[in-house]
PDB file of N, CA and C in Angstrom:
ATOM      1  N   MET A   1     -14.333  60.763 236.927  1.00  0.00           N
ATOM      2  CA  MET A   1     -15.039  60.051 237.953  1.00  0.00           C
ATOM      3  C   MET A   1     -14.228  59.004 238.553  1.00  0.00           C
ATOM      4  N   ILE A   2     -13.517  58.120 237.713  1.00  0.00           N
ATOM      5  CA  ILE A   2     -12.753  57.120 238.367  1.00  0.00           C
ATOM      6  C   ILE A   2     -11.510  57.630 239.098  1.00  0.00           C
ATOM      7  N   GLN A   3     -11.033  58.864 238.704  1.00  0.00           N
ATOM      8  CA  GLN A   3      -9.976  59.530 239.375  1.00  0.00           C
ATOM      9  C   GLN A   3     -10.199  59.569 240.862  1.00  0.00           C
ATOM     10  N   HIS A   4     -11.479  59.766 241.215  1.00  0.00           N
ATOM     11  CA  HIS A   4     -11.725  59.914 242.691  1.00  0.00           C
ATOM     12  C   HIS A   4     -11.674  58.513 243.441  1.00  0.00           C
ATOM     13  N   MET A   5     -11.730  57.496 242.667  1.00  0.00           N
ATOM     14  CA  MET A   5     -11.650  56.061 243.261  1.00  0.00           C
ATOM     15  C   MET A   5     -10.219  55.576 243.323  1.00  0.00           C
ATOM     16  N   LEU A   6      -9.206  56.286 242.725  1.00  0.00           N
ATOM     17  CA  LEU A   6      -7.952  55.812 242.736  1.00  0.00           C
ATOM     18  C   LEU A   6      -7.310  55.940 244.167  1.00  0.00           C
ATOM     19  N   PRO A   7      -6.400  55.117 244.614  1.00  0.00           N
ATOM     20  CA  PRO A   7      -5.667  54.054 243.821  1.00  0.00           C
ATOM     21  C   PRO A   7      -6.466  52.779 243.648  1.00  0.00           C
ATOM     22  N   LEU A   8      -6.356  52.272 242.456  1.00  0.00           N
ATOM     23  CA  LEU A   8      -6.879  50.948 242.141  1.00  0.00           C
ATOM     24  C   LEU A   8      -5.744  50.132 241.403  1.00  0.00           C
ATOM     25  N   PRO A   9      -5.790  48.842 241.341  1.00  0.00           N
ATOM     26  CA  PRO A   9      -4.758  48.122 240.791  1.00  0.00           C
ATOM     27  C   PRO A   9      -4.810  48.253 239.185  1.00  0.00           C
ATOM     28  N   CYS A  10      -3.608  48.398 238.634  1.00  0.00           N
ATOM     29  CA  CYS A  10      -3.467  48.445 237.228  1.00  0.00           C
ATOM     30  C   CYS A  10      -3.891  47.093 236.572  1.00  0.00           C
ATOM     31  N   VAL A  11      -4.727  47.218 235.512  1.00  0.00           N
ATOM     32  CA  VAL A  11      -5.199  45.985 234.925  1.00  0.00           C
ATOM     33  C   VAL A  11      -4.058  45.201 234.124  1.00  0.00           C
ATOM     34  N   ASP A  12      -2.998  45.859 233.970  1.00  0.00           N
ATOM     35  CA  ASP A  12      -1.848  45.096 233.274  1.00  0.00           C
ATOM     36  C   ASP A  12      -0.756  44.581 234.239  1.00  0.00           C
ATOM     37  N   CYS A  13      -0.392  45.391 235.260  1.00  0.00           N
ATOM     38  CA  CYS A  13       0.674  44.873 236.174  1.00  0.00           C
ATOM     39  C   CYS A  13       0.261  44.577 237.460  1.00  0.00           C
ATOM     40  N   GLY A  14      -0.907  45.111 237.984  1.00  0.00           N
ATOM     41  CA  GLY A  14      -1.421  44.810 239.255  1.00  0.00           C
ATOM     42  C   GLY A  14      -0.967  45.813 240.343  1.00  0.00           C
ATOM     43  N   ARG A  15       0.005  46.707 240.047  1.00  0.00           N
ATOM     44  CA  ARG A  15       0.495  47.649 241.039  1.00  0.00           C
ATOM     45  C   ARG A  15      -0.574  48.842 241.123  1.00  0.00           C
ATOM     46  N   PRO A  16      -0.641  49.581 242.169  1.00  0.00           N
ATOM     47  CA  PRO A  16      -1.571  50.591 242.344  1.00  0.00           C
ATOM     48  C   PRO A  16      -1.323  51.713 241.352  1.00  0.00           C
ATOM     49  N   VAL A  17      -2.502  52.180 240.768  1.00  0.00           N
ATOM     50  CA  VAL A  17      -2.508  53.399 239.881  1.00  0.00           C
ATOM     51  C   VAL A  17      -2.895  54.539 240.743  1.00  0.00           C
ATOM     52  N   LEU A  18      -2.033  55.470 241.005  1.00  0.00           N
ATOM     53  CA  LEU A  18      -2.293  56.629 241.859  1.00  0.00           C
ATOM     54  C   LEU A  18      -2.864  57.849 241.153  1.00  0.00           C
ATOM     55  N   PRO A  19      -3.618  58.597 241.721  1.00  0.00           N
ATOM     56  CA  PRO A  19      -4.240  59.762 241.043  1.00  0.00           C
ATOM     57  C   PRO A  19      -3.263  60.732 240.401  1.00  0.00           C
ATOM     58  N   GLU A  20      -2.122  60.822 240.934  1.00  0.00           N
ATOM     59  CA  GLU A  20      -1.143  61.806 240.414  1.00  0.00           C
ATOM     60  C   GLU A  20      -0.339  61.207 239.215  1.00  0.00           C
ATOM     61  N   GLN A  21      -0.521  59.924 238.951  1.00  0.00           N
ATOM     62  CA  GLN A  21       0.188  59.236 237.829  1.00  0.00           C
ATOM     63  C   GLN A  21      -0.560  59.373 236.509  1.00  0.00           C
ATOM     64  N   THR A  22       0.158  59.299 235.396  1.00  0.00           N
ATOM     65  CA  THR A  22      -0.490  59.280 234.055  1.00  0.00           C
ATOM     66  C   THR A  22      -1.108  57.837 233.938  1.00  0.00           C
ATOM     67  N   TRP A  23      -2.367  57.850 233.614  1.00  0.00           N
ATOM     68  CA  TRP A  23      -2.976  56.543 233.479  1.00  0.00           C
ATOM     69  C   TRP A  23      -3.923  56.502 232.266  1.00  0.00           C
ATOM     70  N   HIS A  24      -4.275  55.339 231.789  1.00  0.00           N
ATOM     71  CA  HIS A  24      -5.185  55.105 230.708  1.00  0.00           C
ATOM     72  C   HIS A  24      -6.302  54.202 231.187  1.00  0.00           C
ATOM     73  N   VAL A  25      -7.370  54.088 230.387  1.00  0.00           N
ATOM     74  CA  VAL A  25      -8.394  53.134 230.656  1.00  0.00           C
ATOM     75  C   VAL A  25      -7.970  51.973 229.848  1.00  0.00           C
ATOM     76  N   GLY A  26      -7.755  50.831 230.538  1.00  0.00           N
ATOM     77  CA  GLY A  26      -7.235  49.634 229.870  1.00  0.00           C
ATOM     78  C   GLY A  26      -8.268  48.527 229.889  1.00  0.00           C
ATOM     79  N   HIS A  27      -8.109  47.574 229.065  1.00  0.00           N
ATOM     80  CA  HIS A  27      -8.960  46.450 229.010  1.00  0.00           C
ATOM     81  C   HIS A  27      -8.448  45.326 229.807  1.00  0.00           C
ATOM     82  N   ILE A  28      -9.283  44.592 230.609  1.00  0.00           N
ATOM     83  CA  ILE A  28      -8.866  43.444 231.326  1.00  0.00           C
ATOM     84  C   ILE A  28      -8.564  42.294 230.397  1.00  0.00           C
ATOM     85  N   MET A  29      -9.578  42.042 229.467  1.00  0.00           N
ATOM     86  CA  MET A  29      -9.371  41.158 228.306  1.00  0.00           C
ATOM     87  C   MET A  29      -9.194  42.065 227.153  1.00  0.00           C
ATOM     88  N   PRO A  30      -8.011  42.143 226.539  1.00  0.00           N
ATOM     89  CA  PRO A  30      -7.802  43.036 225.405  1.00  0.00           C
ATOM     90  C   PRO A  30      -8.794  42.890 224.338  1.00  0.00           C
ATOM     91  N   ALA A  31      -9.286  44.073 223.774  1.00  0.00           N
ATOM     92  CA  ALA A  31     -10.184  44.112 222.635  1.00  0.00           C
ATOM     93  C   ALA A  31      -9.650  43.256 221.487  1.00  0.00           C
ATOM     94  N   ALA A  32      -8.368  43.362 221.234  1.00  0.00           N
ATOM     95  CA  ALA A  32      -7.773  42.610 220.139  1.00  0.00           C
ATOM     96  C   ALA A  32      -7.871  41.105 220.305  1.00  0.00           C
ATOM     97  N   LEU A  33      -8.066  40.611 221.549  1.00  0.00           N
ATOM     98  CA  LEU A  33      -8.281  39.158 221.775  1.00  0.00           C
ATOM     99  C   LEU A  33      -9.637  38.840 222.089  1.00  0.00           C
ATOM    100  N   GLY A  34     -10.585  39.727 221.746  1.00  0.00           N
ATOM    101  CA  GLY A  34     -12.034  39.416 221.902  1.00  0.00           C
ATOM    102  C   GLY A  34     -12.684  40.011 223.127  1.00  0.00           C
ATOM    103  N   GLY A  35     -12.013  40.872 223.854  1.00  0.00           N
ATOM    104  CA  GLY A  35     -12.649  41.588 225.019  1.00  0.00           C
ATOM    105  C   GLY A  35     -13.543  42.588 224.525  1.00  0.00           C
ATOM    106  N   GLU A  36     -14.576  42.868 225.300  1.00  0.00           N
ATOM    107  CA  GLU A  36     -15.676  43.779 224.885  1.00  0.00           C
ATOM    108  C   GLU A  36     -15.282  45.209 225.518  1.00  0.00           C
ATOM    109  N   ASN A  37     -15.888  46.275 224.892  1.00  0.00           N
ATOM    110  CA  ASN A  37     -15.784  47.597 225.435  1.00  0.00           C
ATOM    111  C   ASN A  37     -16.868  47.885 226.425  1.00  0.00           C
ATOM    112  N   THR A  38     -16.791  47.167 227.589  1.00  0.00           N
ATOM    113  CA  THR A  38     -17.799  47.362 228.573  1.00  0.00           C
ATOM    114  C   THR A  38     -17.115  47.823 229.891  1.00  0.00           C
ATOM    115  N   LEU A  39     -17.929  48.406 230.788  1.00  0.00           N
ATOM    116  CA  LEU A  39     -17.328  48.870 232.069  1.00  0.00           C
ATOM    117  C   LEU A  39     -16.762  47.694 232.818  1.00  0.00           C
ATOM    118  N   GLU A  40     -17.366  46.548 232.734  1.00  0.00           N
ATOM    119  CA  GLU A  40     -16.803  45.408 233.479  1.00  0.00           C
ATOM    120  C   GLU A  40     -15.509  44.910 232.950  1.00  0.00           C
ATOM    121  N   ASN A  41     -15.130  45.219 231.746  1.00  0.00           N
ATOM    122  CA  ASN A  41     -13.873  44.739 231.087  1.00  0.00           C
ATOM    123  C   ASN A  41     -12.821  45.879 231.112  1.00  0.00           C
ATOM    124  N   CYS A  42     -13.111  46.946 231.692  1.00  0.00           N
ATOM    125  CA  CYS A  42     -12.164  48.029 231.731  1.00  0.00           C
ATOM    126  C   CYS A  42     -11.736  48.398 233.120  1.00  0.00           C
ATOM    127  N   GLY A  43     -10.600  49.051 233.197  1.00  0.00           N
ATOM    128  CA  GLY A  43     -10.095  49.547 234.476  1.00  0.00           C
ATOM    129  C   GLY A  43      -8.849  50.417 234.257  1.00  0.00           C
ATOM    130  N   PRO A  44      -8.284  50.982 235.315  1.00  0.00           N
ATOM    131  CA  PRO A  44      -7.137  51.808 235.140  1.00  0.00           C
ATOM    132  C   PRO A  44      -5.855  51.068 234.798  1.00  0.00           C
ATOM    133  N   SER A  45      -5.042  51.657 233.979  1.00  0.00           N
ATOM    134  CA  SER A  45      -3.735  51.130 233.646  1.00  0.00           C
ATOM    135  C   SER A  45      -2.668  52.208 233.641  1.00  0.00           C
ATOM    136  N   HIS A  46      -1.528  51.956 234.150  1.00  0.00           N
ATOM    137  CA  HIS A  46      -0.405  52.947 234.025  1.00  0.00           C
ATOM    138  C   HIS A  46      -0.270  53.201 232.518  1.00  0.00           C
ATOM    139  N   GLY A  47      -0.031  54.459 232.224  1.00  0.00           N
ATOM    140  CA  GLY A  47       0.212  54.755 230.761  1.00  0.00           C
ATOM    141  C   GLY A  47       1.252  53.872 230.073  1.00  0.00           C
ATOM    142  N   ARG A  48       2.459  53.619 230.770  1.00  0.00           N
ATOM    143  CA  ARG A  48       3.475  52.810 230.203  1.00  0.00           C
ATOM    144  C   ARG A  48       2.992  51.384 230.042  1.00  0.00           C
ATOM    145  N   CYS A  49       2.272  50.872 231.054  1.00  0.00           N
ATOM    146  CA  CYS A  49       1.771  49.474 230.973  1.00  0.00           C
ATOM    147  C   CYS A  49       0.885  49.257 229.848  1.00  0.00           C
ATOM    148  N   ASN A  50      -0.045  50.221 229.637  1.00  0.00           N
ATOM    149  CA  ASN A  50      -1.044  50.122 228.637  1.00  0.00           C
ATOM    150  C   ASN A  50      -0.383  50.160 227.198  1.00  0.00           C
ATOM    151  N   VAL A  51       0.487  51.013 227.033  1.00  0.00           N
ATOM    152  CA  VAL A  51       1.238  51.126 225.662  1.00  0.00           C
ATOM    153  C   VAL A  51       2.066  49.863 225.484  1.00  0.00           C
ATOM    154  N   LYS A  52       2.724  49.399 226.516  1.00  0.00           N
ATOM    155  CA  LYS A  52       3.506  48.303 226.342  1.00  0.00           C
ATOM    156  C   LYS A  52       2.651  46.986 226.017  1.00  0.00           C
ATOM    157  N   ALA A  53       1.614  46.873 226.704  1.00  0.00           N
ATOM    158  CA  ALA A  53       0.622  45.744 226.490  1.00  0.00           C
ATOM    159  C   ALA A  53       0.188  45.717 225.081  1.00  0.00           C
ATOM    160  N   GLY A  54      -0.299  46.906 224.529  1.00  0.00           N
ATOM    161  CA  GLY A  54      -0.765  47.068 223.197  1.00  0.00           C
ATOM    162  C   GLY A  54       0.314  46.738 222.206  1.00  0.00           C
ATOM    163  N   GLY A  55       1.514  47.087 222.475  1.00  0.00           N
ATOM    164  CA  GLY A  55       2.582  46.712 221.588  1.00  0.00           C
ATOM    165  C   GLY A  55       2.848  45.265 221.455  1.00  0.00           C
ATOM    166  N   ARG A  56       2.800  44.562 222.618  1.00  0.00           N
ATOM    167  CA  ARG A  56       3.019  43.081 222.645  1.00  0.00           C
ATOM    168  C   ARG A  56       1.907  42.433 221.807  1.00  0.00           C
ATOM    169  N   ILE A  57       0.663  42.765 222.017  1.00  0.00           N
ATOM    170  CA  ILE A  57      -0.484  42.255 221.306  1.00  0.00           C
ATOM    171  C   ILE A  57      -0.370  42.468 219.778  1.00  0.00           C
ATOM    172  N   GLY A  58      -0.089  43.704 219.524  1.00  0.00           N
ATOM    173  CA  GLY A  58       0.111  44.081 218.032  1.00  0.00           C
ATOM    174  C   GLY A  58       1.183  43.207 217.404  1.00  0.00           C
ATOM    175  N   ALA A  59       2.259  43.142 218.056  1.00  0.00           N
ATOM    176  CA  ALA A  59       3.369  42.312 217.457  1.00  0.00           C
ATOM    177  C   ALA A  59       3.048  40.836 217.372  1.00  0.00           C
ATOM    178  N   ARG A  60       2.293  40.307 218.307  1.00  0.00           N
ATOM    179  CA  ARG A  60       1.907  38.985 218.272  1.00  0.00           C
ATOM    180  C   ARG A  60       0.936  38.732 217.057  1.00  0.00           C
ATOM    181  N   MET A  61       0.001  39.664 216.877  1.00  0.00           N
ATOM    182  CA  MET A  61      -0.879  39.545 215.733  1.00  0.00           C
ATOM    183  C   MET A  61      -0.146  39.677 214.406  1.00  0.00           C
ATOM    184  N   SER A  62       0.694  40.635 214.344  1.00  0.00           N
ATOM    185  CA  SER A  62       1.550  40.867 213.133  1.00  0.00           C
ATOM    186  C   SER A  62       2.367  39.670 212.694  1.00  0.00           C
ATOM    187  N   ASN A  63       3.065  39.146 213.784  1.00  0.00           N
ATOM    188  CA  ASN A  63       3.956  37.969 213.528  1.00  0.00           C
ATOM    189  C   ASN A  63       3.161  36.789 213.123  1.00  0.00           C
ATOM    190  N   THR A  64       1.993  36.591 213.676  1.00  0.00           N
ATOM    191  CA  THR A  64       1.125  35.447 213.389  1.00  0.00           C
ATOM    192  C   THR A  64       0.767  35.538 211.873  1.00  0.00           C
ATOM    193  N   ARG A  65       0.324  36.810 211.500  1.00  0.00           N
ATOM    194  CA  ARG A  65      -0.017  37.058 210.085  1.00  0.00           C
ATOM    195  C   ARG A  65       1.065  36.797 209.172  1.00  0.00           C
ATOM    196  N   HIS A  66       2.229  37.264 209.469  1.00  0.00           N
ATOM    197  CA  HIS A  66       3.459  37.034 208.699  1.00  0.00           C
ATOM    198  C   HIS A  66       3.710  35.536 208.524  1.00  0.00           C
ATOM    199  N   ARG A  67       3.721  34.829 209.553  1.00  0.00           N
ATOM    200  CA  ARG A  67       3.983  33.437 209.560  1.00  0.00           C
ATOM    201  C   ARG A  67       2.955  32.696 208.619  1.00  0.00           C
ATOM    202  N   THR A  68       1.668  33.054 208.782  1.00  0.00           N
ATOM    203  CA  THR A  68       0.670  32.484 207.912  1.00  0.00           C
ATOM    204  C   THR A  68       0.895  32.764 206.458  1.00  0.00           C
ATOM    205  N   GLU A  69       1.096  34.033 206.122  1.00  0.00           N
ATOM    206  CA  GLU A  69       1.458  34.400 204.779  1.00  0.00           C
ATOM    207  C   GLU A  69       2.714  33.666 204.221  1.00  0.00           C
ATOM    208  N   GLY A  70       3.679  33.486 205.101  1.00  0.00           N
ATOM    209  CA  GLY A  70       4.911  32.798 204.689  1.00  0.00           C
ATOM    210  C   GLY A  70       4.636  31.333 204.456  1.00  0.00           C
ATOM    211  N   ASP A  71       3.724  30.718 205.220  1.00  0.00           N
ATOM    212  CA  ASP A  71       3.318  29.304 204.933  1.00  0.00           C
ATOM    213  C   ASP A  71       2.655  29.212 203.622  1.00  0.00           C
ATOM    214  N   MET A  72       1.818  30.157 203.304  1.00  0.00           N
ATOM    215  CA  MET A  72       1.041  30.164 202.012  1.00  0.00           C
ATOM    216  C   MET A  72       1.989  30.321 200.844  1.00  0.00           C
ATOM    217  N   ARG A  73       3.112  30.940 200.888  1.00  0.00           N
ATOM    218  CA  ARG A  73       3.968  31.101 199.862  1.00  0.00           C
ATOM    219  C   ARG A  73       4.753  29.766 199.480  1.00  0.00           C
ATOM    220  N   GLU A  74       4.880  28.993 200.567  1.00  0.00           N
ATOM    221  CA  GLU A  74       5.580  27.774 200.378  1.00  0.00           C
ATOM    222  C   GLU A  74       4.797  26.761 199.544  1.00  0.00           C
ATOM    223  N   TRP A  75       3.504  26.938 199.390  1.00  0.00           N
ATOM    224  CA  TRP A  75       2.693  26.059 198.584  1.00  0.00           C
ATOM    225  C   TRP A  75       2.949  26.340 197.268  1.00  0.00           C
TER     226      TRP A  75
END
């Protein structure tokens, strides 16, 4: 259904997502950061942008966890 509404801006980079491109449904506010799985919080995302954004968020969460665990070992 959304395919018929393209081009729309990518929720990650803002450039147009064209119907012939590979695209994902992306979160405007990432789920990992508290965003909800609602239509209002979703939109088209270039495949590469969506995977790249998820990798950055995952790394940030993982690095934060490792720093916290490292701080605990120092006690």
